[in-house]
N, C-alpha and C. Protein backbone atom coordinates (compact mmCIF):
# COMPACT_ATOMS: atom_id res chain seq x y z
N UNK A 1 60.73 48.49 102.78
CA UNK A 1 61.05 49.79 103.33
C UNK A 1 62.34 49.72 104.14
N UNK A 2 62.45 48.65 104.96
CA UNK A 2 63.63 48.48 105.79
C UNK A 2 64.85 48.21 104.91
N UNK A 3 64.71 47.44 103.86
CA UNK A 3 65.84 47.15 102.97
C UNK A 3 66.26 48.41 102.21
N UNK A 4 65.31 49.25 101.90
CA UNK A 4 65.63 50.50 101.21
C UNK A 4 66.44 51.40 102.13
N UNK A 5 66.11 51.51 103.39
CA UNK A 5 66.84 52.30 104.37
C UNK A 5 68.26 51.76 104.54
N UNK A 6 68.37 50.45 104.59
CA UNK A 6 69.69 49.82 104.72
C UNK A 6 70.54 50.13 103.48
N UNK A 7 69.91 50.06 102.31
CA UNK A 7 70.62 50.34 101.06
C UNK A 7 71.12 51.80 101.04
N UNK A 8 70.25 52.75 101.41
CA UNK A 8 70.64 54.18 101.44
C UNK A 8 71.75 54.41 102.45
N UNK A 9 71.66 53.78 103.61
CA UNK A 9 72.71 53.92 104.63
C UNK A 9 74.04 53.37 104.12
N UNK A 10 73.99 52.26 103.40
CA UNK A 10 75.22 51.68 102.84
C UNK A 10 75.86 52.63 101.83
N UNK A 11 75.04 53.26 101.00
CA UNK A 11 75.56 54.23 100.02
C UNK A 11 76.18 55.41 100.75
N UNK A 12 75.51 55.93 101.77
CA UNK A 12 76.04 57.06 102.54
C UNK A 12 77.37 56.70 103.20
N UNK A 13 77.45 55.53 103.77
CA UNK A 13 78.69 55.08 104.42
C UNK A 13 79.81 54.97 103.38
N UNK A 14 79.49 54.43 102.21
CA UNK A 14 80.49 54.30 101.15
C UNK A 14 80.99 55.67 100.70
N UNK A 15 80.07 56.64 100.55
CA UNK A 15 80.47 58.00 100.16
C UNK A 15 81.34 58.64 101.23
N UNK A 16 80.97 58.49 102.49
CA UNK A 16 81.75 59.06 103.59
C UNK A 16 83.15 58.44 103.65
N UNK A 17 83.22 57.12 103.48
CA UNK A 17 84.52 56.46 103.49
C UNK A 17 85.39 56.92 102.32
N UNK A 18 84.76 57.08 101.16
CA UNK A 18 85.50 57.54 99.98
C UNK A 18 86.02 58.95 100.19
N UNK A 19 85.17 59.86 100.69
CA UNK A 19 85.58 61.24 100.96
C UNK A 19 86.68 61.26 102.02
N UNK A 20 86.52 60.46 103.05
CA UNK A 20 87.53 60.38 104.10
C UNK A 20 88.86 59.89 103.57
N UNK A 21 88.83 58.92 102.66
CA UNK A 21 90.06 58.41 102.07
C UNK A 21 90.75 59.49 101.24
N UNK A 22 89.96 60.24 100.42
CA UNK A 22 90.54 61.30 99.59
C UNK A 22 91.12 62.39 100.48
N UNK A 23 90.40 62.79 101.55
CA UNK A 23 90.92 63.80 102.48
C UNK A 23 92.20 63.31 103.14
N UNK A 24 92.18 62.06 103.55
CA UNK A 24 93.36 61.48 104.19
C UNK A 24 94.54 61.43 103.23
N UNK A 25 94.27 61.13 101.96
CA UNK A 25 95.34 61.09 100.96
C UNK A 25 95.91 62.48 100.73
N UNK A 26 95.03 63.51 100.63
CA UNK A 26 95.49 64.88 100.43
C UNK A 26 96.30 65.34 101.63
N UNK A 27 95.82 65.04 102.84
CA UNK A 27 96.54 65.40 104.05
C UNK A 27 97.87 64.66 104.09
N UNK A 28 97.86 63.43 103.69
CA UNK A 28 99.08 62.63 103.66
C UNK A 28 100.09 63.23 102.70
N UNK A 29 99.62 63.71 101.51
CA UNK A 29 100.52 64.34 100.54
C UNK A 29 101.18 65.57 101.14
N UNK A 30 100.41 66.39 101.87
CA UNK A 30 100.97 67.58 102.50
C UNK A 30 102.00 67.17 103.55
N UNK A 31 101.67 66.18 104.38
CA UNK A 31 102.57 65.75 105.43
C UNK A 31 103.85 65.14 104.86
N UNK A 32 103.76 64.49 103.74
CA UNK A 32 104.94 63.85 103.13
C UNK A 32 105.73 64.83 102.26
N UNK A 33 105.25 66.08 102.17
CA UNK A 33 105.96 67.08 101.38
C UNK A 33 105.70 66.97 99.90
N UNK A 34 104.65 66.34 99.51
CA UNK A 34 104.35 66.19 98.08
C UNK A 34 103.70 67.44 97.49
N UNK A 35 103.12 68.26 98.34
CA UNK A 35 102.49 69.49 97.86
C UNK A 35 103.59 70.50 97.58
N UNK A 36 103.69 70.93 96.32
CA UNK A 36 104.75 71.85 95.93
C UNK A 36 104.20 73.28 95.95
N UNK A 37 104.85 74.12 96.73
CA UNK A 37 104.37 75.49 96.93
C UNK A 37 105.42 76.48 96.44
N UNK A 38 104.97 77.45 95.67
CA UNK A 38 105.83 78.54 95.23
C UNK A 38 105.44 79.82 95.93
N UNK A 39 106.37 80.74 96.02
CA UNK A 39 106.08 82.05 96.62
C UNK A 39 106.55 83.15 95.68
N UNK A 40 105.87 84.29 95.75
CA UNK A 40 106.20 85.46 94.93
C UNK A 40 106.08 86.70 95.80
N UNK A 41 107.08 87.58 95.73
CA UNK A 41 107.04 88.86 96.43
C UNK A 41 106.56 89.95 95.47
N UNK A 42 105.33 90.38 95.65
CA UNK A 42 104.76 91.42 94.79
C UNK A 42 105.55 92.72 94.97
N UNK A 43 105.91 93.05 96.22
CA UNK A 43 106.63 94.31 96.45
C UNK A 43 107.98 94.31 95.75
N UNK A 44 108.67 93.19 95.74
CA UNK A 44 109.96 93.12 95.05
C UNK A 44 109.76 93.36 93.55
N UNK A 45 108.69 92.83 93.00
CA UNK A 45 108.41 93.03 91.58
C UNK A 45 108.08 94.49 91.30
N UNK A 46 107.26 95.11 92.17
CA UNK A 46 106.90 96.51 91.98
C UNK A 46 108.09 97.44 92.17
N UNK A 47 109.11 97.00 92.89
CA UNK A 47 110.33 97.80 93.08
C UNK A 47 111.29 97.68 91.91
N UNK A 48 111.06 96.74 91.01
CA UNK A 48 111.96 96.53 89.88
C UNK A 48 111.71 97.60 88.82
N UNK A 49 112.71 98.45 88.59
CA UNK A 49 112.53 99.60 87.70
C UNK A 49 112.29 99.21 86.25
N UNK A 50 112.83 98.07 85.80
CA UNK A 50 112.62 97.67 84.40
C UNK A 50 111.15 97.42 84.12
N UNK A 51 110.48 96.80 85.07
CA UNK A 51 109.07 96.47 84.88
C UNK A 51 108.22 97.73 84.95
N UNK A 52 108.46 98.55 85.96
CA UNK A 52 107.68 99.76 86.15
C UNK A 52 107.90 100.71 84.97
N UNK A 53 109.12 100.77 84.47
CA UNK A 53 109.46 101.67 83.35
C UNK A 53 108.59 101.38 82.13
N UNK A 54 108.31 100.14 81.90
CA UNK A 54 107.49 99.74 80.76
C UNK A 54 106.10 100.38 80.81
N UNK A 55 105.61 100.56 82.02
CA UNK A 55 104.25 101.08 82.18
C UNK A 55 104.21 102.60 82.39
N UNK A 56 105.37 103.20 82.67
CA UNK A 56 105.40 104.61 83.04
C UNK A 56 105.28 105.57 81.87
N UNK A 57 105.48 105.13 80.65
CA UNK A 57 105.50 106.03 79.51
C UNK A 57 104.21 106.86 79.40
N UNK A 58 103.07 106.21 79.57
CA UNK A 58 101.79 106.93 79.49
C UNK A 58 101.69 107.95 80.62
N UNK A 59 102.14 107.58 81.81
CA UNK A 59 102.08 108.49 82.95
C UNK A 59 102.99 109.69 82.71
N UNK A 60 104.19 109.47 82.20
CA UNK A 60 105.12 110.56 81.93
C UNK A 60 104.56 111.53 80.89
N UNK A 61 103.90 110.99 79.88
CA UNK A 61 103.29 111.83 78.84
C UNK A 61 102.21 112.72 79.46
N UNK A 62 101.35 112.15 80.30
CA UNK A 62 100.30 112.93 80.96
C UNK A 62 100.90 113.98 81.89
N UNK A 63 101.98 113.63 82.60
CA UNK A 63 102.63 114.57 83.50
C UNK A 63 103.18 115.77 82.72
N UNK A 64 103.81 115.51 81.60
CA UNK A 64 104.38 116.60 80.80
C UNK A 64 103.29 117.52 80.27
N UNK A 65 102.18 116.96 79.80
CA UNK A 65 101.08 117.78 79.31
C UNK A 65 100.50 118.64 80.43
N UNK A 66 100.34 118.05 81.60
CA UNK A 66 99.80 118.80 82.74
C UNK A 66 100.77 119.90 83.16
N UNK A 67 102.05 119.60 83.19
CA UNK A 67 103.06 120.59 83.57
C UNK A 67 103.04 121.77 82.58
N UNK A 68 102.95 121.47 81.29
CA UNK A 68 102.92 122.52 80.27
C UNK A 68 101.68 123.40 80.44
N UNK A 69 100.53 122.77 80.68
CA UNK A 69 99.29 123.52 80.88
C UNK A 69 99.38 124.41 82.11
N UNK A 70 99.90 123.87 83.20
CA UNK A 70 99.98 124.65 84.44
C UNK A 70 101.00 125.79 84.33
N UNK A 71 102.10 125.55 83.63
CA UNK A 71 103.09 126.62 83.42
C UNK A 71 102.48 127.77 82.61
N UNK A 72 101.73 127.41 81.57
CA UNK A 72 101.07 128.43 80.73
C UNK A 72 100.08 129.24 81.56
N UNK A 73 99.25 128.55 82.34
CA UNK A 73 98.27 129.25 83.17
C UNK A 73 98.94 130.12 84.22
N UNK A 74 100.02 129.63 84.81
CA UNK A 74 100.74 130.40 85.83
C UNK A 74 101.30 131.68 85.22
N UNK A 75 101.88 131.60 84.02
CA UNK A 75 102.42 132.79 83.34
C UNK A 75 101.31 133.79 83.03
N UNK A 76 100.14 133.29 82.60
CA UNK A 76 99.02 134.18 82.31
C UNK A 76 98.57 134.91 83.57
N UNK A 77 98.46 134.19 84.67
CA UNK A 77 98.05 134.80 85.94
C UNK A 77 99.07 135.86 86.35
N UNK A 78 100.35 135.52 86.27
CA UNK A 78 101.40 136.47 86.66
C UNK A 78 101.39 137.71 85.77
N UNK A 79 101.18 137.53 84.47
CA UNK A 79 101.13 138.67 83.55
C UNK A 79 99.94 139.56 83.86
N UNK A 80 98.81 138.95 84.12
CA UNK A 80 97.60 139.74 84.45
C UNK A 80 97.75 140.43 85.80
N UNK A 81 98.41 139.80 86.75
CA UNK A 81 98.65 140.44 88.06
C UNK A 81 99.57 141.65 87.90
N UNK A 82 100.59 141.52 87.03
CA UNK A 82 101.49 142.65 86.78
C UNK A 82 100.73 143.79 86.10
N UNK A 83 99.87 143.45 85.14
CA UNK A 83 99.08 144.48 84.45
C UNK A 83 98.10 145.14 85.42
N UNK A 84 97.58 144.37 86.35
CA UNK A 84 96.62 144.90 87.31
C UNK A 84 97.25 145.98 88.20
N UNK A 85 98.52 145.83 88.51
CA UNK A 85 99.20 146.77 89.41
C UNK A 85 99.32 148.17 88.82
N UNK A 86 99.34 148.28 87.49
CA UNK A 86 99.48 149.61 86.86
C UNK A 86 98.13 150.27 86.57
N UNK A 87 97.06 149.50 86.74
CA UNK A 87 95.73 150.06 86.48
C UNK A 87 95.17 150.74 87.73
N UNK A 88 94.28 151.67 87.49
CA UNK A 88 93.65 152.39 88.58
C UNK A 88 92.63 151.49 89.27
N UNK A 89 92.76 151.35 90.59
CA UNK A 89 91.86 150.51 91.37
C UNK A 89 90.42 150.95 91.16
N UNK A 90 89.57 149.96 90.84
CA UNK A 90 88.15 150.22 90.67
C UNK A 90 87.74 150.60 89.26
N UNK A 91 88.72 150.86 88.38
CA UNK A 91 88.37 151.21 87.00
C UNK A 91 87.80 149.98 86.28
N UNK A 92 87.19 150.21 85.13
CA UNK A 92 86.61 149.12 84.35
C UNK A 92 87.69 148.12 83.94
N UNK A 93 88.83 148.64 83.44
CA UNK A 93 89.93 147.76 83.05
C UNK A 93 90.45 146.96 84.25
N UNK A 94 90.56 147.65 85.38
CA UNK A 94 91.04 147.00 86.60
C UNK A 94 90.12 145.82 86.96
N UNK A 95 88.84 146.06 86.94
CA UNK A 95 87.87 145.03 87.33
C UNK A 95 87.88 143.87 86.33
N UNK A 96 88.07 144.17 85.03
CA UNK A 96 88.15 143.09 84.02
C UNK A 96 89.38 142.21 84.25
N UNK A 97 90.54 142.87 84.50
CA UNK A 97 91.75 142.10 84.77
C UNK A 97 91.61 141.31 86.07
N UNK A 98 91.01 141.93 87.07
CA UNK A 98 90.82 141.26 88.36
C UNK A 98 89.94 140.02 88.19
N UNK A 99 88.87 140.15 87.41
CA UNK A 99 87.97 139.03 87.15
C UNK A 99 88.70 137.92 86.39
N UNK A 100 89.49 138.32 85.38
CA UNK A 100 90.25 137.33 84.62
C UNK A 100 91.27 136.61 85.51
N UNK A 101 91.93 137.35 86.39
CA UNK A 101 92.90 136.73 87.32
C UNK A 101 92.20 135.70 88.20
N UNK A 102 91.05 136.05 88.74
CA UNK A 102 90.32 135.11 89.60
C UNK A 102 89.92 133.85 88.83
N UNK A 103 89.45 134.03 87.58
CA UNK A 103 89.08 132.88 86.75
C UNK A 103 90.30 132.01 86.46
N UNK A 104 91.41 132.66 86.09
CA UNK A 104 92.63 131.91 85.77
C UNK A 104 93.17 131.16 86.99
N UNK A 105 93.10 131.80 88.16
CA UNK A 105 93.54 131.12 89.39
C UNK A 105 92.66 129.90 89.67
N UNK A 106 91.37 130.05 89.46
CA UNK A 106 90.44 128.92 89.67
C UNK A 106 90.74 127.79 88.69
N UNK A 107 90.99 128.16 87.45
CA UNK A 107 91.31 127.15 86.44
C UNK A 107 92.63 126.45 86.80
N UNK A 108 93.62 127.24 87.22
CA UNK A 108 94.91 126.68 87.62
C UNK A 108 94.74 125.71 88.79
N UNK A 109 93.96 126.11 89.78
CA UNK A 109 93.70 125.23 90.93
C UNK A 109 92.98 123.96 90.50
N UNK A 110 92.01 124.09 89.60
CA UNK A 110 91.28 122.91 89.10
C UNK A 110 92.23 121.99 88.34
N UNK A 111 93.13 122.57 87.54
CA UNK A 111 94.12 121.77 86.80
C UNK A 111 95.03 121.01 87.78
N UNK A 112 95.47 121.68 88.84
CA UNK A 112 96.32 121.01 89.84
C UNK A 112 95.60 119.83 90.48
N UNK A 113 94.36 120.08 90.90
CA UNK A 113 93.58 119.01 91.54
C UNK A 113 93.33 117.86 90.58
N UNK A 114 92.98 118.21 89.34
CA UNK A 114 92.75 117.16 88.34
C UNK A 114 94.02 116.36 88.11
N UNK A 115 95.16 117.06 87.99
CA UNK A 115 96.44 116.38 87.75
C UNK A 115 96.77 115.43 88.91
N UNK A 116 96.57 115.88 90.14
CA UNK A 116 96.85 115.01 91.29
C UNK A 116 95.96 113.77 91.27
N UNK A 117 94.67 113.97 91.01
CA UNK A 117 93.75 112.83 90.96
C UNK A 117 94.07 111.91 89.77
N UNK A 118 94.43 112.51 88.65
CA UNK A 118 94.77 111.72 87.47
C UNK A 118 96.03 110.91 87.73
N UNK A 119 97.01 111.49 88.42
CA UNK A 119 98.24 110.76 88.72
C UNK A 119 97.93 109.56 89.63
N UNK A 120 97.06 109.75 90.61
CA UNK A 120 96.66 108.63 91.47
C UNK A 120 96.00 107.54 90.64
N UNK A 121 95.12 107.93 89.73
CA UNK A 121 94.44 106.95 88.89
C UNK A 121 95.43 106.23 87.98
N UNK A 122 96.35 106.98 87.37
CA UNK A 122 97.33 106.38 86.47
C UNK A 122 98.23 105.40 87.23
N UNK A 123 98.62 105.76 88.44
CA UNK A 123 99.44 104.87 89.26
C UNK A 123 98.67 103.61 89.61
N UNK A 124 97.39 103.78 89.98
CA UNK A 124 96.53 102.63 90.27
C UNK A 124 96.42 101.72 89.05
N UNK A 125 96.19 102.34 87.88
CA UNK A 125 96.05 101.57 86.64
C UNK A 125 97.34 100.82 86.31
N UNK A 126 98.47 101.48 86.49
CA UNK A 126 99.76 100.84 86.21
C UNK A 126 99.97 99.65 87.15
N UNK A 127 99.70 99.86 88.44
CA UNK A 127 99.88 98.79 89.42
C UNK A 127 98.95 97.63 89.13
N UNK A 128 97.73 97.94 88.75
CA UNK A 128 96.75 96.89 88.41
C UNK A 128 97.23 96.08 87.21
N UNK A 129 97.77 96.76 86.19
CA UNK A 129 98.27 96.05 85.01
C UNK A 129 99.47 95.17 85.36
N UNK A 130 100.37 95.68 86.18
CA UNK A 130 101.52 94.88 86.60
C UNK A 130 101.04 93.66 87.38
N UNK A 131 100.10 93.87 88.29
CA UNK A 131 99.60 92.76 89.11
C UNK A 131 98.93 91.71 88.24
N UNK A 132 98.16 92.16 87.24
CA UNK A 132 97.52 91.22 86.32
C UNK A 132 98.58 90.39 85.60
N UNK A 133 99.64 91.05 85.15
CA UNK A 133 100.73 90.34 84.47
C UNK A 133 101.46 89.38 85.41
N UNK A 134 101.63 89.79 86.67
CA UNK A 134 102.27 88.91 87.66
C UNK A 134 101.43 87.66 87.87
N UNK A 135 100.12 87.83 87.99
CA UNK A 135 99.24 86.67 88.17
C UNK A 135 99.35 85.72 86.99
N UNK A 136 99.36 86.28 85.78
CA UNK A 136 99.46 85.45 84.58
C UNK A 136 100.79 84.70 84.55
N UNK A 137 101.88 85.42 84.76
CA UNK A 137 103.21 84.79 84.72
C UNK A 137 103.38 83.78 85.84
N UNK A 138 102.92 84.10 87.04
CA UNK A 138 103.04 83.17 88.16
C UNK A 138 102.29 81.88 87.86
N UNK A 139 101.12 82.00 87.25
CA UNK A 139 100.35 80.81 86.88
C UNK A 139 101.07 79.96 85.85
N UNK A 140 101.66 80.62 84.85
CA UNK A 140 102.39 79.88 83.82
C UNK A 140 103.64 79.21 84.40
N UNK A 141 104.35 79.93 85.25
CA UNK A 141 105.55 79.37 85.88
C UNK A 141 105.17 78.20 86.77
N UNK A 142 104.08 78.34 87.51
CA UNK A 142 103.62 77.26 88.39
C UNK A 142 103.31 76.00 87.57
N UNK A 143 102.68 76.18 86.43
CA UNK A 143 102.40 75.03 85.56
C UNK A 143 103.70 74.41 85.05
N UNK A 144 104.62 75.27 84.61
CA UNK A 144 105.91 74.78 84.09
C UNK A 144 106.70 74.02 85.16
N UNK A 145 106.62 74.50 86.41
CA UNK A 145 107.41 73.89 87.49
C UNK A 145 106.61 72.85 88.27
N UNK A 146 105.38 72.60 87.84
CA UNK A 146 104.50 71.64 88.49
C UNK A 146 104.26 71.99 89.96
N UNK A 147 104.00 73.28 90.22
CA UNK A 147 103.70 73.74 91.57
C UNK A 147 102.20 73.61 91.82
N UNK A 148 101.84 73.26 93.04
CA UNK A 148 100.42 73.12 93.39
C UNK A 148 99.81 74.45 93.82
N UNK A 149 100.61 75.28 94.49
CA UNK A 149 100.14 76.56 95.00
C UNK A 149 101.22 77.61 94.79
N UNK A 150 100.80 78.86 94.61
CA UNK A 150 101.73 79.98 94.63
C UNK A 150 101.14 81.02 95.57
N UNK A 151 101.90 81.41 96.58
CA UNK A 151 101.45 82.36 97.59
C UNK A 151 102.25 83.65 97.53
N UNK A 152 101.64 84.74 97.94
CA UNK A 152 102.33 86.03 98.00
C UNK A 152 103.18 86.04 99.27
N UNK A 153 104.42 86.53 99.15
CA UNK A 153 105.34 86.41 100.28
C UNK A 153 106.09 87.68 100.63
N UNK A 154 105.55 88.84 100.33
CA UNK A 154 106.26 90.08 100.63
C UNK A 154 106.48 90.23 102.13
N UNK A 155 107.64 90.77 102.45
CA UNK A 155 107.98 91.03 103.86
C UNK A 155 107.09 92.15 104.38
N UNK A 156 106.72 92.06 105.64
CA UNK A 156 105.99 93.14 106.29
C UNK A 156 107.00 93.97 107.07
N UNK A 157 107.20 95.22 106.66
CA UNK A 157 108.16 96.10 107.33
C UNK A 157 107.43 96.89 108.41
N UNK A 158 107.26 96.25 109.55
CA UNK A 158 106.42 96.78 110.61
C UNK A 158 106.90 98.12 111.16
N UNK A 159 108.20 98.35 111.19
CA UNK A 159 108.73 99.59 111.75
C UNK A 159 108.31 100.81 110.95
N UNK A 160 108.04 100.64 109.66
CA UNK A 160 107.73 101.75 108.77
C UNK A 160 106.24 102.06 108.67
N UNK A 161 105.40 101.31 109.36
CA UNK A 161 103.96 101.44 109.20
C UNK A 161 103.33 102.33 110.26
N UNK A 162 102.33 103.14 109.85
CA UNK A 162 101.53 103.84 110.84
C UNK A 162 100.45 102.89 111.35
N UNK A 163 99.62 103.34 112.26
CA UNK A 163 98.64 102.43 112.87
C UNK A 163 97.69 101.83 111.84
N UNK A 164 97.16 102.64 110.94
CA UNK A 164 96.21 102.14 109.93
C UNK A 164 96.88 101.13 109.00
N UNK A 165 98.10 101.44 108.56
CA UNK A 165 98.83 100.53 107.69
C UNK A 165 99.13 99.22 108.42
N UNK A 166 99.45 99.32 109.70
CA UNK A 166 99.73 98.13 110.50
C UNK A 166 98.49 97.24 110.58
N UNK A 167 97.32 97.86 110.84
CA UNK A 167 96.08 97.09 110.91
C UNK A 167 95.78 96.41 109.57
N UNK A 168 95.98 97.14 108.46
CA UNK A 168 95.77 96.55 107.14
C UNK A 168 96.74 95.40 106.89
N UNK A 169 97.98 95.56 107.33
CA UNK A 169 98.97 94.50 107.15
C UNK A 169 98.54 93.24 107.89
N UNK A 170 98.06 93.39 109.09
CA UNK A 170 97.60 92.23 109.85
C UNK A 170 96.45 91.54 109.12
N UNK A 171 95.55 92.33 108.54
CA UNK A 171 94.40 91.75 107.84
C UNK A 171 94.79 91.05 106.55
N UNK A 172 95.77 91.59 105.81
CA UNK A 172 96.04 91.04 104.49
C UNK A 172 97.31 90.20 104.41
N UNK A 173 98.23 90.33 105.36
CA UNK A 173 99.49 89.59 105.29
C UNK A 173 99.27 88.20 105.88
N UNK A 174 99.08 87.23 105.01
CA UNK A 174 98.70 85.89 105.46
C UNK A 174 99.84 84.88 105.49
N UNK A 175 100.88 85.07 104.70
CA UNK A 175 101.99 84.12 104.70
C UNK A 175 103.00 84.57 105.74
N UNK A 176 103.10 83.82 106.82
CA UNK A 176 103.97 84.19 107.92
C UNK A 176 105.32 83.49 107.87
N UNK A 177 105.38 82.36 107.18
CA UNK A 177 106.62 81.57 107.13
C UNK A 177 106.60 80.73 105.86
N UNK A 178 107.76 80.61 105.21
CA UNK A 178 107.76 79.88 103.94
C UNK A 178 109.03 79.07 103.71
N UNK A 179 109.59 78.47 104.71
CA UNK A 179 110.81 77.68 104.54
C UNK A 179 110.53 76.47 103.64
N UNK A 180 111.37 76.27 102.66
CA UNK A 180 111.22 75.12 101.77
C UNK A 180 110.36 75.38 100.55
N UNK A 181 109.72 76.55 100.48
CA UNK A 181 108.91 76.88 99.31
C UNK A 181 109.82 77.39 98.19
N UNK A 182 109.39 77.19 96.97
CA UNK A 182 110.16 77.65 95.82
C UNK A 182 109.83 79.10 95.54
N UNK A 183 110.82 79.99 95.64
CA UNK A 183 110.61 81.41 95.37
C UNK A 183 110.76 81.64 93.87
N UNK A 184 109.66 82.01 93.23
CA UNK A 184 109.68 82.23 91.78
C UNK A 184 109.67 83.72 91.42
N UNK A 185 109.90 84.58 92.40
CA UNK A 185 109.86 86.03 92.17
C UNK A 185 110.81 86.45 91.06
N UNK A 186 112.05 86.00 91.12
CA UNK A 186 113.04 86.42 90.11
C UNK A 186 112.67 85.92 88.71
N UNK A 187 112.05 84.77 88.64
CA UNK A 187 111.62 84.25 87.33
C UNK A 187 110.50 85.13 86.77
N UNK A 188 109.56 85.54 87.65
CA UNK A 188 108.48 86.43 87.22
C UNK A 188 109.07 87.76 86.75
N UNK A 189 110.02 88.31 87.51
CA UNK A 189 110.65 89.58 87.14
C UNK A 189 111.34 89.44 85.78
N UNK A 190 112.06 88.35 85.59
CA UNK A 190 112.76 88.13 84.32
C UNK A 190 111.78 88.09 83.15
N UNK A 191 110.68 87.35 83.31
CA UNK A 191 109.70 87.24 82.22
C UNK A 191 109.01 88.59 81.95
N UNK A 192 108.66 89.30 83.02
CA UNK A 192 108.01 90.60 82.83
C UNK A 192 108.99 91.58 82.18
N UNK A 193 110.26 91.50 82.55
CA UNK A 193 111.26 92.38 81.96
C UNK A 193 111.46 92.13 80.49
N UNK A 194 111.35 90.87 80.07
CA UNK A 194 111.50 90.52 78.66
C UNK A 194 110.28 90.93 77.85
N UNK A 195 109.11 90.99 78.50
CA UNK A 195 107.87 91.31 77.79
C UNK A 195 107.87 92.75 77.31
N UNK A 196 108.69 93.61 77.94
CA UNK A 196 108.68 95.04 77.59
C UNK A 196 109.53 95.35 76.51
């Protein structure tokens, strides 16, 4: 029983020493500058018009369709309002036109609200697709350049933020300094630009 305890303790000590050696080696690599770190500015990529243009075609098509629909509805409402002015107040025709105007206004308002919500969704979808592509390209570039890590490095423009945006920035902006890191943002932009 005593020899079994000694044997288990020896194994535990060996495992701890091995783990300690690996941790020490990893820490040593970081201290010696062996860990290669890349950085990417997502905001700089999202500001690049060539990349965004590739994704905007679907959004522009939806915008044009919505604009055409709203223009048609607006003209119908205006025509019915003009017709309403020549009708006798309270007559059957007057009430029918009045009812149609109210329905058309409601439809127009619903179209506006839907268009606004759809535009938000389309922008979200576009940004998500760009971000997915950035992650893919950054990973491939990191492999090509033998980088160990790639971190997001967008500048925080504190002067332009309201209180809520400032609080969010503090929560999500984790890279505070990056001297000596390899900035691969322009390479990502170049690859994304060629993909379109």
